[in-house]
């Protein structure tokens, strides 16, 4: 057989394999809604107890963790016993036992990859991962099972969890038969634009996957360079932080998106747990209803500010609420049994969420179905405000980054700033405390007189804080409520170094 003939046979076999995979995928997807709805109605406790038994028997660290606390695994047989199990934490579990002993059978080689995460404290932690731990969200929102899709991974590449595992998850979805092509320029804006310009028009849609402020930088740089985003079907997959609906509106406008509830989706994921949940059309519809009504948001979430709101499959990732924070259980390369991930948030069963919203005059299911039946999955909701220690405490009031973000996204401000900032509480020579916010300027902002712009930024942020943060309005003396603003050029190493994950708050300088 000649080389050409061999190549033809190879290509024919590949086409057949892809057709078979697509057929299997179609069969599976036909029953996917039924399966997930059945899971939503079922009790996950038997699955959780089996996860506990396997972990206690096969993971050396967890066996020692239980033994040190006098717990007999054979006695854990029901829901009450489950709820009495001690919480895993990074300090008491992950940092206490050797890395290999955290894995099944004490075997690190059984894991596909190892990620490094600096977390919120900056201390590096190694996380063994496997491809099966990762998920990608393309079907319900983007219909990527039907449309040829270019997935552009804009997370930093290297040992960090974002880029490599997003790429792996996208390739896994492609292997299942989805017409997805993955390209990995990482967080190199020039390479991203080159990929989008040259490859994007060859696909039905292009999905940018990355951290929100960086994707905004990419889009703004494209606009400044004359690129017609609106001439191309763009989609966004976001991760790493809470976005506001004003930010979603801004990106919808600049990219020319047809439906923000289906053309964008945020993932909730952590280095330790992988992808835990994702926004769906119905969860986005709920957020968009609540954004203009702080009192309604308080009734649903307990706070006026909007969290990230995702849906989860409780048989894959099970959440519990513990003193206003989240506890996670799930099977992965490092099995998690009641792991306290320190994210501030909660869990709302699907029926309770829908009923609560109807009392507020909103039919979330009808709104989500406007774009098709795929918008509704009767799965539990998890809401996430983020790590509680990302906030700064000012006169006893917690000032959260997502509130400041909204202030920077107001029409008079947003063209002049990049959206990045750093919160600090400083003491002056009299030991009086003051809220300081360093703000990164866009190219246009650098051309505006700094004094009036700093005043406009301060006024916009203050108005937002007073509207959404009742603590600040009542705890902080009126003369100290207005933040002090400092303006910095793009990429300044003091607050906005290039190439590292941005942090929105820092401890006060000594």
Foldseek 3Di string as FASTA:
>chain_A
DDPVVVVVVVVVVVVVLLVVLLVVVVVCVVCVLVVLQVLLPDDLVVLLLVLLVQCCVFQQQVVVLCVVVVHDNVVQDDDVSLVPDDAAECVSGVVPDDPLSLFGNSHLVVADAWAWDCPPVRNIGIAGFHLVLAADDCCLQPVQQPWQEEEEEAAADDRHDRRPNVQSNQVVVVSSNGNYDYDYPYNDLVVVVVCCVPPQVVTQEYEYEEALLSVLVSLVVCVVVVHQLCVGHYAYEHEDAWAAVLSLVVVCVSNVYDDSLRRYKYFYADSHRYTFFMRFSLQVLVRVVLLVPQVLVCVVWVFSDAFDKGFGSCNAWNWAADPQFIFIAHDTRRGGRRYGPQWGWHKDQQVRVQVSVVVVVDRSCVSQPVVHNSRDRRGIMITTNGHQVLFDADLNFTDHLNLLLQLCSDPVHVVFFSSAKEWEWEADPVRDIAIEIETETDPVNVVDPPPVNQVSSQVSSLVSCVVGGVCLVPRPPPVRSGHGYDYDYACDVVQRPPDDDHRHYDYYDD
